[in-house]
PDB file of N, CA and C in Angstrom:
ATOM      1  N   MET A   1     152.631 152.863  87.850  1.00  0.00           N
ATOM      2  CA  MET A   1     152.823 154.058  88.651  1.00  0.00           C
ATOM      3  C   MET A   1     152.810 155.315  87.778  1.00  0.00           C
ATOM      4  N   LEU A   2     153.407 155.223  86.615  1.00  0.00           N
ATOM      5  CA  LEU A   2     153.437 156.374  85.716  1.00  0.00           C
ATOM      6  C   LEU A   2     152.026 156.776  85.308  1.00  0.00           C
ATOM      7  N   GLN A   3     151.160 155.794  85.056  1.00  0.00           N
ATOM      8  CA  GLN A   3     149.781 156.082  84.676  1.00  0.00           C
ATOM      9  C   GLN A   3     149.068 156.858  85.777  1.00  0.00           C
ATOM     10  N   ARG A   4     149.236 156.448  87.027  1.00  0.00           N
ATOM     11  CA  ARG A   4     148.603 157.125  88.152  1.00  0.00           C
ATOM     12  C   ARG A   4     149.122 158.554  88.270  1.00  0.00           C
ATOM     13  N   HIS A   5     150.431 158.737  88.077  1.00  0.00           N
ATOM     14  CA  HIS A   5     151.025 160.074  88.147  1.00  0.00           C
ATOM     15  C   HIS A   5     150.469 160.962  87.038  1.00  0.00           C
ATOM     16  N   THR A   6     150.365 160.411  85.832  1.00  0.00           N
ATOM     17  CA  THR A   6     149.839 161.174  84.699  1.00  0.00           C
ATOM     18  C   THR A   6     148.395 161.592  84.956  1.00  0.00           C
ATOM     19  N   LEU A   7     147.577 160.684  85.470  1.00  0.00           N
ATOM     20  CA  LEU A   7     146.192 161.019  85.782  1.00  0.00           C
ATOM     21  C   LEU A   7     146.144 162.120  86.833  1.00  0.00           C
ATOM     22  N   GLY A   8     147.034 162.053  87.819  1.00  0.00           N
ATOM     23  CA  GLY A   8     147.089 163.091  88.854  1.00  0.00           C
ATOM     24  C   GLY A   8     147.397 164.462  88.276  1.00  0.00           C
ATOM     25  N   VAL A   9     148.303 164.503  87.314  1.00  0.00           N
ATOM     26  CA  VAL A   9     148.651 165.765  86.660  1.00  0.00           C
ATOM     27  C   VAL A   9     147.462 166.298  85.878  1.00  0.00           C
ATOM     28  N   VAL A  10     146.765 165.418  85.171  1.00  0.00           N
ATOM     29  CA  VAL A  10     145.584 165.822  84.401  1.00  0.00           C
ATOM     30  C   VAL A  10     144.507 166.354  85.337  1.00  0.00           C
ATOM     31  N   VAL A  11     144.283 165.654  86.458  1.00  0.00           N
ATOM     32  CA  VAL A  11     143.281 166.088  87.430  1.00  0.00           C
ATOM     33  C   VAL A  11     143.656 167.457  87.989  1.00  0.00           C
ATOM     34  N   ALA A  12     144.912 167.627  88.372  1.00  0.00           N
ATOM     35  CA  ALA A  12     145.364 168.909  88.930  1.00  0.00           C
ATOM     36  C   ALA A  12     145.190 170.036  87.912  1.00  0.00           C
ATOM     37  N   ALA A  13     145.536 169.770  86.668  1.00  0.00           N
ATOM     38  CA  ALA A  13     145.381 170.783  85.625  1.00  0.00           C
ATOM     39  C   ALA A  13     143.913 171.130  85.420  1.00  0.00           C
ATOM     40  N   ALA A  14     143.048 170.131  85.458  1.00  0.00           N
ATOM     41  CA  ALA A  14     141.614 170.365  85.273  1.00  0.00           C
ATOM     42  C   ALA A  14     141.055 171.206  86.407  1.00  0.00           C
ATOM     43  N   ILE A  15     141.463 170.909  87.635  1.00  0.00           N
ATOM     44  CA  ILE A  15     140.989 171.673  88.785  1.00  0.00           C
ATOM     45  C   ILE A  15     141.495 173.102  88.707  1.00  0.00           C
ATOM     46  N   CYS A  16     142.753 173.249  88.386  1.00  0.00           N
ATOM     47  CA  CYS A  16     143.377 174.562  88.295  1.00  0.00           C
ATOM     48  C   CYS A  16     142.699 175.435  87.257  1.00  0.00           C
ATOM     49  N   CYS A  17     142.418 174.860  86.121  1.00  0.00           N
ATOM     50  CA  CYS A  17     141.932 175.644  84.991  1.00  0.00           C
ATOM     51  C   CYS A  17     140.423 175.575  84.810  1.00  0.00           C
ATOM     52  N   GLY A  18     139.717 174.876  85.684  1.00  0.00           N
ATOM     53  CA  GLY A  18     138.264 174.799  85.601  1.00  0.00           C
ATOM     54  C   GLY A  18     137.759 173.985  84.431  1.00  0.00           C
ATOM     55  N   VAL A  19     138.518 172.986  84.034  1.00  0.00           N
ATOM     56  CA  VAL A  19     138.149 172.147  82.905  1.00  0.00           C
ATOM     57  C   VAL A  19     137.581 170.832  83.422  1.00  0.00           C
ATOM     58  N   ALA A  20     136.511 170.371  82.832  1.00  0.00           N
ATOM     59  CA  ALA A  20     135.960 169.068  83.213  1.00  0.00           C
ATOM     60  C   ALA A  20     136.814 167.972  82.595  1.00  0.00           C
ATOM     61  N   LEU A  21     137.076 166.958  83.381  1.00  0.00           N
ATOM     62  CA  LEU A  21     137.834 165.823  82.869  1.00  0.00           C
ATOM     63  C   LEU A  21     136.978 165.030  81.897  1.00  0.00           C
ATOM     64  N   PRO A  22     137.590 164.469  80.863  1.00  0.00           N
ATOM     65  CA  PRO A  22     136.806 163.574  80.015  1.00  0.00           C
ATOM     66  C   PRO A  22     136.368 162.369  80.834  1.00  0.00           C
ATOM     67  N   ALA A  23     135.207 161.851  80.527  1.00  0.00           N
ATOM     68  CA  ALA A  23     134.681 160.724  81.294  1.00  0.00           C
ATOM     69  C   ALA A  23     135.640 159.546  81.278  1.00  0.00           C
ATOM     70  N   SER A  24     136.390 159.383  80.204  1.00  0.00           N
ATOM     71  CA  SER A  24     137.318 158.258  80.110  1.00  0.00           C
ATOM     72  C   SER A  24     138.458 158.372  81.116  1.00  0.00           C
ATOM     73  N   ALA A  25     138.714 159.570  81.629  1.00  0.00           N
ATOM     74  CA  ALA A  25     139.792 159.770  82.605  1.00  0.00           C
ATOM     75  C   ALA A  25     139.284 159.704  84.038  1.00  0.00           C
ATOM     76  N   GLN A  26     138.014 159.471  84.218  1.00  0.00           N
ATOM     77  CA  GLN A  26     137.433 159.444  85.553  1.00  0.00           C
ATOM     78  C   GLN A  26     137.137 158.014  85.975  1.00  0.00           C
ATOM     79  N   ARG A  27     137.216 157.800  87.276  1.00  0.00           N
ATOM     80  CA  ARG A  27     136.878 156.494  87.837  1.00  0.00           C
ATOM     81  C   ARG A  27     135.487 156.593  88.431  1.00  0.00           C
ATOM     82  N   PHE A  28     134.594 155.804  87.914  1.00  0.00           N
ATOM     83  CA  PHE A  28     133.220 155.822  88.378  1.00  0.00           C
ATOM     84  C   PHE A  28     133.031 154.727  89.419  1.00  0.00           C
ATOM     85  N   GLU A  29     133.238 155.102  90.669  1.00  0.00           N
ATOM     86  CA  GLU A  29     133.070 154.171  91.778  1.00  0.00           C
ATOM     87  C   GLU A  29     132.374 154.899  92.910  1.00  0.00           C
ATOM     88  N   PHE A  30     131.505 154.184  93.617  1.00  0.00           N
ATOM     89  CA  PHE A  30     130.870 154.753  94.795  1.00  0.00           C
ATOM     90  C   PHE A  30     131.871 154.745  95.941  1.00  0.00           C
ATOM     91  N   GLU A  31     131.632 155.580  96.926  1.00  0.00           N
ATOM     92  CA  GLU A  31     132.533 155.643  98.070  1.00  0.00           C
ATOM     93  C   GLU A  31     132.582 154.298  98.782  1.00  0.00           C
ATOM     94  N   LYS A  32     133.742 153.970  99.299  1.00  0.00           N
ATOM     95  CA  LYS A  32     133.929 152.672  99.960  1.00  0.00           C
ATOM     96  C   LYS A  32     133.017 152.505 101.174  1.00  0.00           C
ATOM     97  N   ARG A  33     132.695 153.589 101.844  1.00  0.00           N
ATOM     98  CA  ARG A  33     131.836 153.482 103.031  1.00  0.00           C
ATOM     99  C   ARG A  33     130.346 153.362 102.676  1.00  0.00           C
ATOM    100  N   ASP A  34     130.042 153.467 101.393  1.00  0.00           N
ATOM    101  CA  ASP A  34     128.662 153.338 100.927  1.00  0.00           C
ATOM    102  C   ASP A  34     128.243 151.872 101.043  1.00  0.00           C
ATOM    103  N   PRO A  35     127.222 151.555 101.848  1.00  0.00           N
ATOM    104  CA  PRO A  35     126.837 150.149 102.037  1.00  0.00           C
ATOM    105  C   PRO A  35     126.340 149.468 100.760  1.00  0.00           C
ATOM    106  N   ARG A  36     125.895 150.237  99.789  1.00  0.00           N
ATOM    107  CA  ARG A  36     125.431 149.653  98.528  1.00  0.00           C
ATOM    108  C   ARG A  36     126.430 149.907  97.400  1.00  0.00           C
ATOM    109  N   GLY A  37     127.627 150.314  97.778  1.00  0.00           N
ATOM    110  CA  GLY A  37     128.633 150.672  96.782  1.00  0.00           C
ATOM    111  C   GLY A  37     129.079 149.534  95.894  1.00  0.00           C
ATOM    112  N   ASN A  38     128.802 148.310  96.307  1.00  0.00           N
ATOM    113  CA  ASN A  38     129.244 147.178  95.504  1.00  0.00           C
ATOM    114  C   ASN A  38     128.124 146.640  94.598  1.00  0.00           C
ATOM    115  N   VAL A  39     127.048 147.368  94.464  1.00  0.00           N
ATOM    116  CA  VAL A  39     125.947 146.935  93.592  1.00  0.00           C
ATOM    117  C   VAL A  39     126.307 147.355  92.161  1.00  0.00           C
ATOM    118  N   GLU A  40     126.749 146.381  91.395  1.00  0.00           N
ATOM    119  CA  GLU A  40     127.296 146.669  90.062  1.00  0.00           C
ATOM    120  C   GLU A  40     126.267 147.251  89.102  1.00  0.00           C
ATOM    121  N   GLY A  41     125.026 146.799  89.174  1.00  0.00           N
ATOM    122  CA  GLY A  41     124.002 147.322  88.265  1.00  0.00           C
ATOM    123  C   GLY A  41     123.779 148.809  88.450  1.00  0.00           C
ATOM    124  N   LYS A  42     123.702 149.260  89.690  1.00  0.00           N
ATOM    125  CA  LYS A  42     123.495 150.683  89.969  1.00  0.00           C
ATOM    126  C   LYS A  42     124.721 151.484  89.534  1.00  0.00           C
ATOM    127  N   ARG A  43     125.917 150.962  89.834  1.00  0.00           N
ATOM    128  CA  ARG A  43     127.141 151.666  89.459  1.00  0.00           C
ATOM    129  C   ARG A  43     127.220 151.799  87.933  1.00  0.00           C
ATOM    130  N   ALA A  44     126.943 150.724  87.225  1.00  0.00           N
ATOM    131  CA  ALA A  44     127.002 150.755  85.761  1.00  0.00           C
ATOM    132  C   ALA A  44     125.963 151.719  85.191  1.00  0.00           C
ATOM    133  N   SER A  45     124.757 151.662  85.717  1.00  0.00           N
ATOM    134  CA  SER A  45     123.695 152.558  85.262  1.00  0.00           C
ATOM    135  C   SER A  45     124.079 154.016  85.481  1.00  0.00           C
ATOM    136  N   CYS A  46     124.636 154.308  86.642  1.00  0.00           N
ATOM    137  CA  CYS A  46     125.025 155.692  86.961  1.00  0.00           C
ATOM    138  C   CYS A  46     126.215 156.153  86.125  1.00  0.00           C
ATOM    139  N   GLU A  47     127.123 155.242  85.820  1.00  0.00           N
ATOM    140  CA  GLU A  47     128.254 155.617  84.959  1.00  0.00           C
ATOM    141  C   GLU A  47     127.756 156.029  83.577  1.00  0.00           C
ATOM    142  N   VAL A  48     126.868 155.234  83.009  1.00  0.00           N
ATOM    143  CA  VAL A  48     126.322 155.559  81.686  1.00  0.00           C
ATOM    144  C   VAL A  48     125.535 156.861  81.753  1.00  0.00           C
ATOM    145  N   TYR A  49     124.720 157.013  82.790  1.00  0.00           N
ATOM    146  CA  TYR A  49     123.962 158.255  82.967  1.00  0.00           C
ATOM    147  C   TYR A  49     124.910 159.461  83.013  1.00  0.00           C
ATOM    148  N   ALA A  50     125.986 159.355  83.794  1.00  0.00           N
ATOM    149  CA  ALA A  50     126.928 160.467  83.959  1.00  0.00           C
ATOM    150  C   ALA A  50     127.630 160.796  82.647  1.00  0.00           C
ATOM    151  N   ARG A  51     127.987 159.783  81.900  1.00  0.00           N
ATOM    152  CA  ARG A  51     128.656 160.015  80.612  1.00  0.00           C
ATOM    153  C   ARG A  51     127.715 160.718  79.634  1.00  0.00           C
ATOM    154  N   ILE A  52     126.460 160.297  79.602  1.00  0.00           N
ATOM    155  CA  ILE A  52     125.474 160.946  78.728  1.00  0.00           C
ATOM    156  C   ILE A  52     125.233 162.388  79.175  1.00  0.00           C
ATOM    157  N   ALA A  53     125.118 162.592  80.479  1.00  0.00           N
ATOM    158  CA  ALA A  53     124.912 163.949  81.010  1.00  0.00           C
ATOM    159  C   ALA A  53     126.070 164.857  80.619  1.00  0.00           C
ATOM    160  N   GLN A  54     127.281 164.321  80.649  1.00  0.00           N
ATOM    161  CA  GLN A  54     128.449 165.116  80.279  1.00  0.00           C
ATOM    162  C   GLN A  54     128.402 165.492  78.798  1.00  0.00           C
ATOM    163  N   VAL A  55     128.041 164.565  77.944  1.00  0.00           N
ATOM    164  CA  VAL A  55     127.934 164.859  76.511  1.00  0.00           C
ATOM    165  C   VAL A  55     126.848 165.902  76.265  1.00  0.00           C
ATOM    166  N   GLN A  56     125.726 165.778  76.969  1.00  0.00           N
ATOM    167  CA  GLN A  56     124.648 166.757  76.810  1.00  0.00           C
ATOM    168  C   GLN A  56     125.101 168.139  77.269  1.00  0.00           C
ATOM    169  N   ALA A  57     125.821 168.195  78.372  1.00  0.00           N
ATOM    170  CA  ALA A  57     126.304 169.479  78.882  1.00  0.00           C
ATOM    171  C   ALA A  57     127.330 170.095  77.934  1.00  0.00           C
ATOM    172  N   GLU A  58     128.159 169.266  77.341  1.00  0.00           N
ATOM    173  CA  GLU A  58     129.135 169.780  76.373  1.00  0.00           C
ATOM    174  C   GLU A  58     128.436 170.307  75.130  1.00  0.00           C
ATOM    175  N   ALA A  59     127.357 169.651  74.711  1.00  0.00           N
ATOM    176  CA  ALA A  59     126.578 170.141  73.562  1.00  0.00           C
ATOM    177  C   ALA A  59     125.945 171.487  73.897  1.00  0.00           C
ATOM    178  N   ASN A  60     125.450 171.622  75.121  1.00  0.00           N
ATOM    179  CA  ASN A  60     124.879 172.893  75.573  1.00  0.00           C
ATOM    180  C   ASN A  60     125.890 174.018  75.402  1.00  0.00           C
ATOM    181  N   GLN A  61     127.117 173.762  75.795  1.00  0.00           N
ATOM    182  CA  GLN A  61     128.151 174.793  75.684  1.00  0.00           C
ATOM    183  C   GLN A  61     128.562 175.003  74.228  1.00  0.00           C
ATOM    184  N   LYS A  62     128.805 173.909  73.510  1.00  0.00           N
ATOM    185  CA  LYS A  62     129.290 174.002  72.133  1.00  0.00           C
ATOM    186  C   LYS A  62     128.332 174.787  71.240  1.00  0.00           C
ATOM    187  N   PHE A  63     127.042 174.547  71.410  1.00  0.00           N
ATOM    188  CA  PHE A  63     126.061 175.196  70.546  1.00  0.00           C
ATOM    189  C   PHE A  63     125.448 176.436  71.184  1.00  0.00           C
ATOM    190  N   ARG A  64     126.064 176.881  72.284  1.00  0.00           N
ATOM    191  CA  ARG A  64     125.683 178.118  72.967  1.00  0.00           C
ATOM    192  C   ARG A  64     124.192 178.167  73.278  1.00  0.00           C
ATOM    193  N   CYS A  65     123.675 177.066  73.813  1.00  0.00           N
ATOM    194  CA  CYS A  65     122.257 177.006  74.162  1.00  0.00           C
ATOM    195  C   CYS A  65     121.936 177.864  75.373  1.00  0.00           C
ATOM    196  N   GLY A  66     122.879 178.022  76.280  1.00  0.00           N
ATOM    197  CA  GLY A  66     122.702 178.927  77.408  1.00  0.00           C
ATOM    198  C   GLY A  66     122.048 178.326  78.637  1.00  0.00           C
ATOM    199  N   PHE A  67     121.880 177.018  78.682  1.00  0.00           N
ATOM    200  CA  PHE A  67     121.297 176.406  79.875  1.00  0.00           C
ATOM    201  C   PHE A  67     122.324 176.413  80.998  1.00  0.00           C
ATOM    202  N   THR A  68     121.850 176.669  82.215  1.00  0.00           N
ATOM    203  CA  THR A  68     122.748 176.762  83.359  1.00  0.00           C
ATOM    204  C   THR A  68     122.221 175.927  84.526  1.00  0.00           C
ATOM    205  N   GLY A  69     123.011 175.844  85.550  1.00  0.00           N
ATOM    206  CA  GLY A  69     122.628 175.114  86.756  1.00  0.00           C
ATOM    207  C   GLY A  69     123.332 173.772  86.835  1.00  0.00           C
ATOM    208  N   VAL A  70     123.108 173.081  87.946  1.00  0.00           N
ATOM    209  CA  VAL A  70     123.808 171.817  88.175  1.00  0.00           C
ATOM    210  C   VAL A  70     123.463 170.769  87.117  1.00  0.00           C
ATOM    211  N   ARG A  71     122.306 170.853  86.543  1.00  0.00           N
ATOM    212  CA  ARG A  71     121.918 169.920  85.479  1.00  0.00           C
ATOM    213  C   ARG A  71     122.880 169.992  84.301  1.00  0.00           C
ATOM    214  N   TRP A  72     123.538 171.139  84.129  1.00  0.00           N
ATOM    215  CA  TRP A  72     124.353 171.378  82.949  1.00  0.00           C
ATOM    216  C   TRP A  72     125.848 171.416  83.235  1.00  0.00           C
ATOM    217  N   THR A  73     126.284 170.896  84.376  1.00  0.00           N
ATOM    218  CA  THR A  73     127.719 170.845  84.633  1.00  0.00           C
ATOM    219  C   THR A  73     128.379 169.848  83.692  1.00  0.00           C
ATOM    220  N   ARG A  74     129.555 170.204  83.185  1.00  0.00           N
ATOM    221  CA  ARG A  74     130.269 169.323  82.255  1.00  0.00           C
ATOM    222  C   ARG A  74     131.098 168.274  82.979  1.00  0.00           C
ATOM    223  N   ASP A  75     131.167 168.351  84.268  1.00  0.00           N
ATOM    224  CA  ASP A  75     131.895 167.355  85.065  1.00  0.00           C
ATOM    225  C   ASP A  75     130.959 166.175  85.313  1.00  0.00           C
ATOM    226  N   ALA A  76     131.358 164.995  84.904  1.00  0.00           N
ATOM    227  CA  ALA A  76     130.503 163.812  85.022  1.00  0.00           C
ATOM    228  C   ALA A  76     130.302 163.365  86.469  1.00  0.00           C
ATOM    229  N   MET A  77     131.236 163.641  87.353  1.00  0.00           N
ATOM    230  CA  MET A  77     131.164 163.102  88.708  1.00  0.00           C
ATOM    231  C   MET A  77     129.963 163.606  89.514  1.00  0.00           C
ATOM    232  N   PRO A  78     129.597 164.874  89.477  1.00  0.00           N
ATOM    233  CA  PRO A  78     128.374 165.271  90.196  1.00  0.00           C
ATOM    234  C   PRO A  78     127.133 164.542  89.688  1.00  0.00           C
ATOM    235  N   HIS A  79     127.070 164.293  88.386  1.00  0.00           N
ATOM    236  CA  HIS A  79     125.952 163.540  87.821  1.00  0.00           C
ATOM    237  C   HIS A  79     125.972 162.103  88.355  1.00  0.00           C
ATOM    238  N   PHE A  80     127.147 161.511  88.419  1.00  0.00           N
ATOM    239  CA  PHE A  80     127.299 160.147  88.923  1.00  0.00           C
ATOM    240  C   PHE A  80     126.877 160.056  90.385  1.00  0.00           C
ATOM    241  N   ARG A  81     127.336 161.001  91.188  1.00  0.00           N
ATOM    242  CA  ARG A  81     126.991 160.984  92.621  1.00  0.00           C
ATOM    243  C   ARG A  81     125.491 161.214  92.833  1.00  0.00           C
ATOM    244  N   TRP A  82     124.888 162.118  92.063  1.00  0.00           N
ATOM    245  CA  TRP A  82     123.444 162.348  92.195  1.00  0.00           C
ATOM    246  C   TRP A  82     122.686 161.067  91.855  1.00  0.00           C
ATOM    247  N   CYS A  83     123.082 160.414  90.808  1.00  0.00           N
ATOM    248  CA  CYS A  83     122.414 159.208  90.338  1.00  0.00           C
ATOM    249  C   CYS A  83     122.412 158.120  91.406  1.00  0.00           C
ATOM    250  N   ARG A  84     123.464 158.045  92.182  1.00  0.00           N
ATOM    251  CA  ARG A  84     123.611 156.983  93.180  1.00  0.00           C
ATOM    252  C   ARG A  84     122.396 156.901  94.096  1.00  0.00           C
ATOM    253  N   PHE A  85     121.831 158.040  94.475  1.00  0.00           N
ATOM    254  CA  PHE A  85     120.725 158.056  95.433  1.00  0.00           C
ATOM    255  C   PHE A  85     119.374 158.358  94.785  1.00  0.00           C
ATOM    256  N   ALA A  86     119.369 158.503  93.474  1.00  0.00           N
ATOM    257  CA  ALA A  86     118.126 158.817  92.763  1.00  0.00           C
ATOM    258  C   ALA A  86     117.437 157.526  92.326  1.00  0.00           C
ATOM    259  N   ARG A  87     116.119 157.595  92.286  1.00  0.00           N
ATOM    260  CA  ARG A  87     115.343 156.453  91.776  1.00  0.00           C
ATOM    261  C   ARG A  87     115.538 156.377  90.258  1.00  0.00           C
ATOM    262  N   ARG A  88     115.439 155.186  89.730  1.00  0.00           N
ATOM    263  CA  ARG A  88     115.660 154.968  88.300  1.00  0.00           C
ATOM    264  C   ARG A  88     114.741 155.836  87.444  1.00  0.00           C
ATOM    265  N   ASP A  89     113.480 155.991  87.850  1.00  0.00           N
ATOM    266  CA  ASP A  89     112.552 156.853  87.100  1.00  0.00           C
ATOM    267  C   ASP A  89     113.041 158.298  87.068  1.00  0.00           C
ATOM    268  N   ASN A  90     113.567 158.767  88.183  1.00  0.00           N
ATOM    269  CA  ASN A  90     114.072 160.149  88.246  1.00  0.00           C
ATOM    270  C   ASN A  90     115.305 160.322  87.353  1.00  0.00           C
ATOM    271  N   VAL A  91     116.152 159.310  87.306  1.00  0.00           N
ATOM    272  CA  VAL A  91     117.347 159.359  86.455  1.00  0.00           C
ATOM    273  C   VAL A  91     116.930 159.459  84.991  1.00  0.00           C
ATOM    274  N   ARG A  92     115.989 158.615  84.588  1.00  0.00           N
ATOM    275  CA  ARG A  92     115.508 158.659  83.193  1.00  0.00           C
ATOM    276  C   ARG A  92     114.884 160.014  82.864  1.00  0.00           C
ATOM    277  N   GLU A  93     114.090 160.540  83.779  1.00  0.00           N
ATOM    278  CA  GLU A  93     113.420 161.824  83.523  1.00  0.00           C
ATOM    279  C   GLU A  93     114.431 162.966  83.421  1.00  0.00           C
ATOM    280  N   GLU A  94     115.443 162.953  84.252  1.00  0.00           N
ATOM    281  CA  GLU A  94     116.474 164.000  84.194  1.00  0.00           C
ATOM    282  C   GLU A  94     117.178 163.978  82.836  1.00  0.00           C
ATOM    283  N   GLN A  95     117.489 162.797  82.381  1.00  0.00           N
ATOM    284  CA  GLN A  95     118.145 162.656  81.076  1.00  0.00           C
ATOM    285  C   GLN A  95     117.220 163.144  79.955  1.00  0.00           C
ATOM    286  N   ARG A  96     115.941 162.800  80.051  1.00  0.00           N
ATOM    287  CA  ARG A  96     114.965 163.246  79.049  1.00  0.00           C
ATOM    288  C   ARG A  96     114.808 164.762  79.054  1.00  0.00           C
ATOM    289  N   GLU A  97     114.801 165.365  80.235  1.00  0.00           N
ATOM    290  CA  GLU A  97     114.650 166.820  80.324  1.00  0.00           C
ATOM    291  C   GLU A  97     115.812 167.543  79.647  1.00  0.00           C
ATOM    292  N   ARG A  98     117.030 167.052  79.868  1.00  0.00           N
ATOM    293  CA  ARG A  98     118.177 167.669  79.182  1.00  0.00           C
ATOM    294  C   ARG A  98     118.038 167.490  77.674  1.00  0.00           C
ATOM    295  N   ALA A  99     117.592 166.325  77.231  1.00  0.00           N
ATOM    296  CA  ALA A  99     117.411 166.089  75.791  1.00  0.00           C
ATOM    297  C   ALA A  99     116.352 167.029  75.218  1.00  0.00           C
ATOM    298  N   ARG A 100     115.243 167.216  75.943  1.00  0.00           N
ATOM    299  CA  ARG A 100     114.192 168.143  75.483  1.00  0.00           C
ATOM    300  C   ARG A 100     114.737 169.563  75.370  1.00  0.00           C
ATOM    301  N   ASP A 101     115.483 169.978  76.393  1.00  0.00           N
ATOM    302  CA  ASP A 101     116.069 171.323  76.367  1.00  0.00           C
ATOM    303  C   ASP A 101     116.987 171.485  75.159  1.00  0.00           C
ATOM    304  N   LEU A 102     117.847 170.509  74.936  1.00  0.00           N
ATOM    305  CA  LEU A 102     118.763 170.589  73.800  1.00  0.00           C
ATOM    306  C   LEU A 102     118.007 170.616  72.480  1.00  0.00           C
ATOM    307  N   ASN A 103     116.971 169.805  72.365  1.00  0.00           N
ATOM    308  CA  ASN A 103     116.198 169.802  71.125  1.00  0.00           C
ATOM    309  C   ASN A 103     115.535 171.146  70.869  1.00  0.00           C
ATOM    310  N   SER A 104     115.077 171.801  71.930  1.00  0.00           N
ATOM    311  CA  SER A 104     114.484 173.129  71.733  1.00  0.00           C
ATOM    312  C   SER A 104     115.551 174.119  71.276  1.00  0.00           C
ATOM    313  N   CYS A 105     116.761 173.971  71.788  1.00  0.00           N
ATOM    314  CA  CYS A 105     117.870 174.819  71.349  1.00  0.00           C
ATOM    315  C   CYS A 105     118.197 174.547  69.885  1.00  0.00           C
ATOM    316  N   PHE A 106     118.267 173.272  69.524  1.00  0.00           N
ATOM    317  CA  PHE A 106     118.593 172.917  68.143  1.00  0.00           C
ATOM    318  C   PHE A 106     117.521 173.403  67.186  1.00  0.00           C
ATOM    319  N   ASP A 107     116.254 173.386  67.626  1.00  0.00           N
ATOM    320  CA  ASP A 107     115.178 173.910  66.789  1.00  0.00           C
ATOM    321  C   ASP A 107     115.410 175.380  66.467  1.00  0.00           C
ATOM    322  N   LYS A 108     115.873 176.126  67.464  1.00  0.00           N
ATOM    323  CA  LYS A 108     116.144 177.562  67.253  1.00  0.00           C
ATOM    324  C   LYS A 108     117.326 177.767  66.326  1.00  0.00           C
ATOM    325  N   LEU A 109     118.243 176.803  66.287  1.00  0.00           N
ATOM    326  CA  LEU A 109     119.406 176.912  65.401  1.00  0.00           C
ATOM    327  C   LEU A 109     119.039 176.582  63.953  1.00  0.00           C
ATOM    328  N   GLY A 110     117.883 175.971  63.762  1.00  0.00           N
ATOM    329  CA  GLY A 110     117.452 175.580  62.425  1.00  0.00           C
ATOM    330  C   GLY A 110     117.612 174.096  62.224  1.00  0.00           C
ATOM    331  N   ASP A 111     116.695 173.348  62.711  1.00  0.00           N
ATOM    332  CA  ASP A 111     116.750 171.892  62.638  1.00  0.00           C
ATOM    333  C   ASP A 111     116.531 171.441  61.198  1.00  0.00           C
ATOM    334  N   PHE A 112     117.163 170.354  60.820  1.00  0.00           N
ATOM    335  CA  PHE A 112     117.054 169.855  59.449  1.00  0.00           C
ATOM    336  C   PHE A 112     115.682 169.282  59.123  1.00  0.00           C
ATOM    337  N   ASP A 113     114.828 169.085  60.137  1.00  0.00           N
ATOM    338  CA  ASP A 113     113.484 168.555  59.871  1.00  0.00           C
ATOM    339  C   ASP A 113     112.496 169.650  59.436  1.00  0.00           C
ATOM    340  N   ASP A 114     112.916 170.909  59.517  1.00  0.00           N
ATOM    341  CA  ASP A 114     112.012 171.999  59.155  1.00  0.00           C
ATOM    342  C   ASP A 114     111.787 172.067  57.662  1.00  0.00           C
TER     343      ASP A 114
END
């Protein structure tokens, strides 16, 4: 019970202060009314996708790349929910696009390969 209460406090603080929760503090589950919500492969794939998207979005902010929009939200849950209904090819491409954007930002910062 204490763990649930602590998570509730963290969630409330994050909402209040506009902070994204770390992926480790989030529960990656599809809605119970979702007829395909019990498909473990899709849930696992979307969880990994959401965690990677969150790390990419945090890098965008940390290195002041300046990318904006829903693609760059630091909250993993919107990424997880989007993934649920996206085709696997679209999920891979979205992840690649964020990586390309970040690499172009890193190039401007002075990449070590130059």
